[in-house]
Amino acid sequence: MTLAQLRASLKAAGYRRHEPDARFYKYAKDLYQKRVEEGNTTLYFINAYTYAPIPRYGKDSAAIVAEVTLYYSDEHSVMLKWSEVSIADVERYAAEAYERLGVIPDVYNQR
């Protein structure tokens, strides 16, 4: 998959493009983010960082590294990260983790 195809697939899945924080993700090309809600409540965000192919390292297609932060309280959270999986898998894994871990809606980003 090319970087353009990956970007288009994220946009089609409802992700919005942002600039990645170069201090932490200096090789990321983009940050795509999706707010996961239930009604008017933000449960969590999925962040997907895009990376261009790197043939010299055996990476012939663009890839994502995705992360989700889930909250137990305003002081305790867990961050989950995935790489080399599809965004559909990330969404499924994040939803399952939200249900099973006994976490609460995002404590910092409510509308």
N, C-alpha and C. Protein backbone atom coordinates (compact mmCIF):
# COMPACT_ATOMS: atom_id res chain seq x y z
N MET A 1 0.86 -1.17 0.00
CA MET A 1 0.00 0.00 0.00
C MET A 1 0.90 1.23 0.00
N THR A 2 0.57 2.18 -0.83
CA THR A 2 1.33 3.42 -0.87
C THR A 2 0.88 4.33 0.28
N LEU A 3 1.68 5.35 0.56
CA LEU A 3 1.32 6.31 1.60
C LEU A 3 0.02 7.03 1.23
N ALA A 4 -0.15 7.37 -0.04
CA ALA A 4 -1.38 8.03 -0.49
C ALA A 4 -2.60 7.13 -0.27
N GLN A 5 -2.46 5.85 -0.56
CA GLN A 5 -3.57 4.91 -0.36
C GLN A 5 -3.89 4.77 1.13
N LEU A 6 -2.86 4.70 1.96
CA LEU A 6 -3.07 4.59 3.40
C LEU A 6 -3.78 5.83 3.93
N ARG A 7 -3.34 7.01 3.50
CA ARG A 7 -3.99 8.26 3.92
C ARG A 7 -5.45 8.27 3.51
N ALA A 8 -5.73 7.85 2.28
CA ALA A 8 -7.11 7.84 1.78
C ALA A 8 -7.97 6.86 2.58
N SER A 9 -7.40 5.71 2.95
CA SER A 9 -8.18 4.72 3.70
C SER A 9 -8.50 5.24 5.12
N LEU A 10 -7.56 5.94 5.74
CA LEU A 10 -7.82 6.52 7.06
C LEU A 10 -8.88 7.60 6.98
N LYS A 11 -8.79 8.45 5.98
CA LYS A 11 -9.79 9.50 5.80
C LYS A 11 -11.17 8.89 5.57
N ALA A 12 -11.25 7.85 4.75
CA ALA A 12 -12.53 7.19 4.47
C ALA A 12 -13.11 6.53 5.71
N ALA A 13 -12.24 6.13 6.65
CA ALA A 13 -12.69 5.49 7.89
C ALA A 13 -13.06 6.51 8.98
N GLY A 14 -13.02 7.80 8.63
CA GLY A 14 -13.46 8.83 9.57
C GLY A 14 -12.36 9.48 10.39
N TYR A 15 -11.11 9.30 10.00
CA TYR A 15 -10.00 9.90 10.72
C TYR A 15 -9.71 11.30 10.17
N ARG A 16 -9.29 12.20 11.06
CA ARG A 16 -8.93 13.56 10.68
C ARG A 16 -7.41 13.72 10.78
N ARG A 17 -6.85 14.42 9.79
CA ARG A 17 -5.39 14.58 9.73
C ARG A 17 -4.94 15.73 10.63
N HIS A 18 -3.82 15.50 11.32
CA HIS A 18 -3.15 16.51 12.15
C HIS A 18 -1.64 16.35 11.92
N GLU A 19 -0.89 17.34 12.35
CA GLU A 19 0.57 17.23 12.30
C GLU A 19 1.05 16.42 13.49
N PRO A 20 1.93 15.45 13.27
CA PRO A 20 2.45 14.69 14.41
C PRO A 20 3.43 15.54 15.21
N ASP A 21 3.59 15.25 16.47
CA ASP A 21 4.54 15.94 17.33
C ASP A 21 5.93 15.38 17.01
N ALA A 22 6.76 16.19 16.36
CA ALA A 22 8.07 15.73 15.89
C ALA A 22 9.01 15.38 17.04
N ARG A 23 8.73 15.86 18.24
CA ARG A 23 9.58 15.50 19.38
C ARG A 23 9.48 14.03 19.71
N PHE A 24 8.32 13.44 19.46
CA PHE A 24 8.10 12.04 19.83
C PHE A 24 7.99 11.11 18.63
N TYR A 25 7.58 11.64 17.50
CA TYR A 25 7.34 10.83 16.31
C TYR A 25 8.04 11.47 15.12
N LYS A 26 9.37 11.56 15.17
CA LYS A 26 10.09 12.35 14.17
C LYS A 26 10.06 11.74 12.77
N TYR A 27 9.77 10.47 12.63
CA TYR A 27 9.71 9.87 11.30
C TYR A 27 8.28 9.72 10.78
N ALA A 28 7.31 10.03 11.60
CA ALA A 28 5.91 9.93 11.17
C ALA A 28 5.62 11.01 10.13
N LYS A 29 4.88 10.63 9.12
CA LYS A 29 4.48 11.58 8.08
C LYS A 29 3.23 12.35 8.49
N ASP A 30 2.29 11.68 9.14
CA ASP A 30 1.02 12.29 9.51
C ASP A 30 0.53 11.69 10.82
N LEU A 31 -0.37 12.41 11.44
CA LEU A 31 -1.17 11.87 12.54
C LEU A 31 -2.61 11.94 12.10
N TYR A 32 -3.28 10.81 12.13
CA TYR A 32 -4.72 10.77 11.88
C TYR A 32 -5.39 10.38 13.18
N GLN A 33 -6.47 11.07 13.51
CA GLN A 33 -7.11 10.85 14.80
C GLN A 33 -8.61 10.66 14.61
N LYS A 34 -9.16 9.75 15.41
CA LYS A 34 -10.61 9.50 15.39
C LYS A 34 -11.12 9.53 16.82
N ARG A 35 -12.17 10.29 17.04
CA ARG A 35 -12.84 10.35 18.33
C ARG A 35 -13.89 9.25 18.36
N VAL A 36 -13.83 8.39 19.35
CA VAL A 36 -14.81 7.31 19.51
C VAL A 36 -15.79 7.75 20.58
N GLU A 37 -17.06 7.83 20.20
CA GLU A 37 -18.08 8.38 21.09
C GLU A 37 -19.22 7.41 21.31
N GLU A 38 -19.92 7.64 22.39
CA GLU A 38 -21.19 6.98 22.67
C GLU A 38 -22.15 8.12 23.02
N GLY A 39 -23.06 8.41 22.10
CA GLY A 39 -23.90 9.59 22.28
C GLY A 39 -23.03 10.83 22.21
N ASN A 40 -23.12 11.69 23.22
CA ASN A 40 -22.28 12.89 23.28
C ASN A 40 -21.06 12.72 24.17
N THR A 41 -20.75 11.50 24.56
CA THR A 41 -19.63 11.22 25.45
C THR A 41 -18.46 10.67 24.66
N THR A 42 -17.30 11.29 24.81
CA THR A 42 -16.08 10.79 24.19
C THR A 42 -15.52 9.65 25.03
N LEU A 43 -15.44 8.47 24.45
CA LEU A 43 -14.90 7.33 25.17
C LEU A 43 -13.37 7.33 25.13
N TYR A 44 -12.82 7.52 23.93
CA TYR A 44 -11.36 7.57 23.74
C TYR A 44 -11.07 8.04 22.32
N PHE A 45 -9.80 8.31 22.06
CA PHE A 45 -9.33 8.67 20.73
C PHE A 45 -8.40 7.57 20.24
N ILE A 46 -8.44 7.35 18.93
CA ILE A 46 -7.46 6.49 18.29
C ILE A 46 -6.53 7.40 17.50
N ASN A 47 -5.24 7.32 17.77
CA ASN A 47 -4.22 8.06 17.03
C ASN A 47 -3.50 7.09 16.12
N ALA A 48 -3.44 7.42 14.84
CA ALA A 48 -2.75 6.58 13.86
C ALA A 48 -1.68 7.41 13.17
N TYR A 49 -0.43 7.04 13.39
CA TYR A 49 0.70 7.72 12.78
C TYR A 49 1.10 6.98 11.52
N THR A 50 1.24 7.71 10.41
CA THR A 50 1.59 7.07 9.15
C THR A 50 3.10 7.15 8.92
N TYR A 51 3.62 6.10 8.29
CA TYR A 51 5.04 6.01 7.97
C TYR A 51 5.19 5.59 6.52
N ALA A 52 6.12 6.23 5.82
CA ALA A 52 6.39 5.90 4.42
C ALA A 52 7.11 4.56 4.34
N PRO A 53 7.02 3.90 3.18
CA PRO A 53 7.76 2.65 3.00
C PRO A 53 9.27 2.88 3.16
N ILE A 54 9.97 1.89 3.69
CA ILE A 54 11.43 1.96 3.83
C ILE A 54 11.99 0.66 3.25
N PRO A 55 12.15 0.62 1.92
CA PRO A 55 12.58 -0.63 1.28
C PRO A 55 13.89 -1.20 1.83
N ARG A 56 14.82 -0.35 2.22
CA ARG A 56 16.12 -0.89 2.69
C ARG A 56 15.97 -1.67 4.00
N TYR A 57 14.85 -1.48 4.69
CA TYR A 57 14.58 -2.25 5.91
C TYR A 57 13.52 -3.32 5.67
N GLY A 58 13.23 -3.60 4.40
CA GLY A 58 12.26 -4.64 4.07
C GLY A 58 10.82 -4.20 4.19
N LYS A 59 10.59 -2.91 4.33
CA LYS A 59 9.23 -2.38 4.43
C LYS A 59 8.84 -1.77 3.09
N ASP A 60 8.09 -2.54 2.30
CA ASP A 60 7.76 -2.12 0.95
C ASP A 60 6.44 -1.38 0.85
N SER A 61 5.70 -1.29 1.96
CA SER A 61 4.44 -0.55 1.91
C SER A 61 4.36 0.38 3.11
N ALA A 62 3.54 1.40 2.96
CA ALA A 62 3.33 2.35 4.06
C ALA A 62 2.69 1.63 5.23
N ALA A 63 2.89 2.16 6.42
CA ALA A 63 2.39 1.50 7.62
C ALA A 63 1.87 2.52 8.62
N ILE A 64 1.14 2.01 9.60
CA ILE A 64 0.70 2.85 10.71
C ILE A 64 1.19 2.27 12.03
N VAL A 65 1.35 3.16 12.97
CA VAL A 65 1.49 2.80 14.37
C VAL A 65 0.33 3.49 15.05
N ALA A 66 -0.50 2.74 15.73
CA ALA A 66 -1.70 3.30 16.34
C ALA A 66 -1.61 3.20 17.85
N GLU A 67 -2.23 4.17 18.52
CA GLU A 67 -2.24 4.16 19.98
C GLU A 67 -3.58 4.66 20.50
N VAL A 68 -3.92 4.17 21.66
CA VAL A 68 -5.15 4.56 22.35
C VAL A 68 -4.81 4.69 23.83
N THR A 69 -5.26 5.77 24.46
CA THR A 69 -5.13 5.91 25.90
C THR A 69 -6.49 5.71 26.52
N LEU A 70 -6.57 4.77 27.47
CA LEU A 70 -7.82 4.50 28.19
C LEU A 70 -7.61 4.89 29.65
N TYR A 71 -8.65 5.45 30.24
CA TYR A 71 -8.54 6.03 31.58
C TYR A 71 -9.29 5.21 32.62
N TYR A 72 -8.62 5.00 33.76
CA TYR A 72 -9.26 4.44 34.94
C TYR A 72 -9.75 5.56 35.84
N SER A 73 -9.06 6.69 35.82
CA SER A 73 -9.41 7.89 36.58
C SER A 73 -8.63 9.03 35.96
N ASP A 74 -8.71 10.22 36.55
CA ASP A 74 -7.91 11.32 36.00
C ASP A 74 -6.43 11.18 36.35
N GLU A 75 -6.09 10.22 37.19
CA GLU A 75 -4.69 9.99 37.57
C GLU A 75 -4.10 8.69 37.03
N HIS A 76 -4.93 7.79 36.56
CA HIS A 76 -4.45 6.48 36.12
C HIS A 76 -5.01 6.13 34.74
N SER A 77 -4.09 5.73 33.87
CA SER A 77 -4.49 5.37 32.51
C SER A 77 -3.58 4.25 32.00
N VAL A 78 -3.96 3.71 30.86
CA VAL A 78 -3.15 2.71 30.18
C VAL A 78 -3.10 3.10 28.71
N MET A 79 -1.92 3.02 28.10
CA MET A 79 -1.79 3.30 26.68
C MET A 79 -1.53 1.99 25.95
N LEU A 80 -2.30 1.76 24.93
CA LEU A 80 -2.14 0.57 24.09
C LEU A 80 -1.59 1.01 22.75
N LYS A 81 -0.63 0.27 22.22
CA LYS A 81 -0.03 0.58 20.91
C LYS A 81 -0.02 -0.66 20.04
N TRP A 82 -0.22 -0.42 18.74
CA TRP A 82 -0.19 -1.50 17.75
C TRP A 82 0.62 -1.03 16.55
N SER A 83 1.31 -1.94 15.92
CA SER A 83 1.97 -1.65 14.65
C SER A 83 1.76 -2.83 13.72
N GLU A 84 1.84 -2.53 12.45
CA GLU A 84 1.70 -3.54 11.40
C GLU A 84 0.39 -4.32 11.50
N VAL A 85 -0.68 -3.62 11.85
CA VAL A 85 -2.03 -4.19 11.80
C VAL A 85 -2.92 -3.21 11.04
N SER A 86 -4.06 -3.68 10.61
CA SER A 86 -4.97 -2.79 9.88
C SER A 86 -5.68 -1.86 10.86
N ILE A 87 -6.17 -0.76 10.35
CA ILE A 87 -6.90 0.18 11.20
C ILE A 87 -8.21 -0.45 11.69
N ALA A 88 -8.78 -1.34 10.89
CA ALA A 88 -10.00 -2.05 11.33
C ALA A 88 -9.68 -2.92 12.55
N ASP A 89 -8.53 -3.59 12.54
CA ASP A 89 -8.12 -4.39 13.70
C ASP A 89 -7.89 -3.50 14.92
N VAL A 90 -7.24 -2.36 14.72
CA VAL A 90 -7.01 -1.43 15.83
C VAL A 90 -8.33 -1.01 16.45
N GLU A 91 -9.29 -0.65 15.62
CA GLU A 91 -10.60 -0.22 16.13
C GLU A 91 -11.27 -1.35 16.91
N ARG A 92 -11.18 -2.56 16.41
CA ARG A 92 -11.78 -3.70 17.10
C ARG A 92 -11.07 -3.98 18.43
N TYR A 93 -9.74 -3.97 18.42
CA TYR A 93 -8.97 -4.22 19.65
C TYR A 93 -9.24 -3.14 20.69
N ALA A 94 -9.30 -1.87 20.26
CA ALA A 94 -9.54 -0.77 21.20
C ALA A 94 -10.92 -0.87 21.82
N ALA A 95 -11.93 -1.20 21.02
CA ALA A 95 -13.29 -1.33 21.54
C ALA A 95 -13.37 -2.48 22.54
N GLU A 96 -12.70 -3.58 22.22
CA GLU A 96 -12.70 -4.72 23.13
C GLU A 96 -11.98 -4.38 24.43
N ALA A 97 -10.86 -3.69 24.34
CA ALA A 97 -10.12 -3.30 25.55
C ALA A 97 -10.96 -2.35 26.40
N TYR A 98 -11.65 -1.42 25.75
CA TYR A 98 -12.49 -0.48 26.50
C TYR A 98 -13.56 -1.24 27.29
N GLU A 99 -14.15 -2.21 26.68
CA GLU A 99 -15.21 -2.98 27.34
C GLU A 99 -14.67 -3.87 28.47
N ARG A 100 -13.53 -4.49 28.25
CA ARG A 100 -13.02 -5.48 29.20
C ARG A 100 -12.21 -4.92 30.37
N LEU A 101 -11.59 -3.76 30.19
CA LEU A 101 -10.68 -3.26 31.21
C LEU A 101 -11.35 -2.44 32.31
N GLY A 102 -12.63 -2.19 32.19
CA GLY A 102 -13.32 -1.44 33.23
C GLY A 102 -12.90 0.01 33.31
N VAL A 103 -12.63 0.60 32.17
CA VAL A 103 -12.19 1.99 32.13
C VAL A 103 -13.38 2.93 32.01
N ILE A 104 -13.10 4.23 32.07
CA ILE A 104 -14.14 5.25 32.00
C ILE A 104 -13.94 6.11 30.75
N PRO A 105 -14.93 6.92 30.38
CA PRO A 105 -14.74 7.81 29.23
C PRO A 105 -13.56 8.74 29.44
N ASP A 106 -13.00 9.22 28.33
CA ASP A 106 -11.87 10.13 28.34
C ASP A 106 -12.12 11.27 29.31
N VAL A 107 -11.24 11.45 30.27
CA VAL A 107 -11.46 12.44 31.33
C VAL A 107 -11.04 13.85 30.93
N TYR A 108 -10.35 14.02 29.79
CA TYR A 108 -9.84 15.34 29.43
C TYR A 108 -10.47 15.94 28.18
N ASN A 109 -11.15 15.17 27.38
CA ASN A 109 -11.57 15.66 26.06
C ASN A 109 -13.06 15.51 25.80
N GLN A 110 -13.87 15.96 26.71
CA GLN A 110 -15.32 15.94 26.49
C GLN A 110 -15.73 17.22 25.76
N ARG A 111 -16.79 17.14 25.01
CA ARG A 111 -17.28 18.33 24.28
C ARG A 111 -18.08 19.20 25.21
